[in-house]
Amino acid sequence: MAGISPRAGTIAHNNSPYFLLQLTDAHLLKDTQHTMLGINTTRSLERVIEHIEQQQYAIDGILVSGDIAQEPHVSVYERFYRLVDRLQAPQFWLSGNHDLIAVVQATTNLPILNAPTCIQLNDHWRLITLTSNRLCRIEGHLSDQDLDWLNQTLAENPQQHTLIALHHHPILVQSPWLDQHSLQKAEQFWNVLQSHEACIKGIIHGHVHQEFHAQYRDIPVWAAPSTGFQFKPQALDFAVDDIPPGYRWFELYADGPVKTGVVRLNHAVGQVDLQSEGY
């Protein structure tokens, strides 16, 4: 295993950092016996949850950064919720381009965030979530109204340490086939952040099915591996990788620092179809 958190096997105390877990891009199918690109995505998620349980993290919150379902159906979202609920921590769901918000909302107890939202994590930290998906579109979009809301929200409490989360990647990951489906007109997003950089401690996204970390305009940008199948980094065309699934953890300290790492299983749950040209 890689990237084990120093909080593994400990009990949370009031002076402990806020422990945030990121799960992303599960792509669950309606039939739990079916596979996608050679991977049973439900079984793979189950193995990831089992690994997290074994670490005995003191989890304060779980960010789910989109593409929960490949086949959006109420039963799929309910299954995802039940599996993640084993971790006994609040869940914050972003929708991805494969998700249908209307289907999620058909079950009212599911924690989908279908509009820009500011979540107060504790006295020192807030998580701002943005909805970057649009119906029947693969690439990401933020409306002018979303950006105005973001600017206003950031200005309201500039002393609070802030993470911003969205499904689509707001900077290029150097993989042309993926980058065409990134957040469109991303410069508008970054221009909003420019006057609030002092409070913004990082951007978290999904969508790219790989570990990713970069710095843009002095702001860290992070992505996590999928809980199912992985995309090959820096590939010109669609390509999957045989690296195992995983997740990312964050420790958010009261005075502003962020520690983060990625943990993967020892092996993929299934035989990845490396010859696939898409899905």
Foldseek 3Di string as FASTA:
>chain_A
DPDQDPQFPHADDPQFFAKEWEAEQLAADPDQPDADLFWSSLVLLLVQLVVVVVRRHNHAEYEYFENQHQDEALVSQVSVCVSNCVVVYYYAYAYAQSYDVVRPVVPVVRRYDPAWDWADSDPAEIETEHHQYDHPAQAGEDDPVNLVVVLVVCVPCLRHAYEYEHAFALDDQLAQVRRVRGYPPSVSVVVSCLVSVVRYAAYEYERQQDWDWDADPNHIYTYAHHSAWGFDGNHNATFTDFFFGWIKMWGAHRVGDIDMGIDGDPGHRGDRNGPDRDD
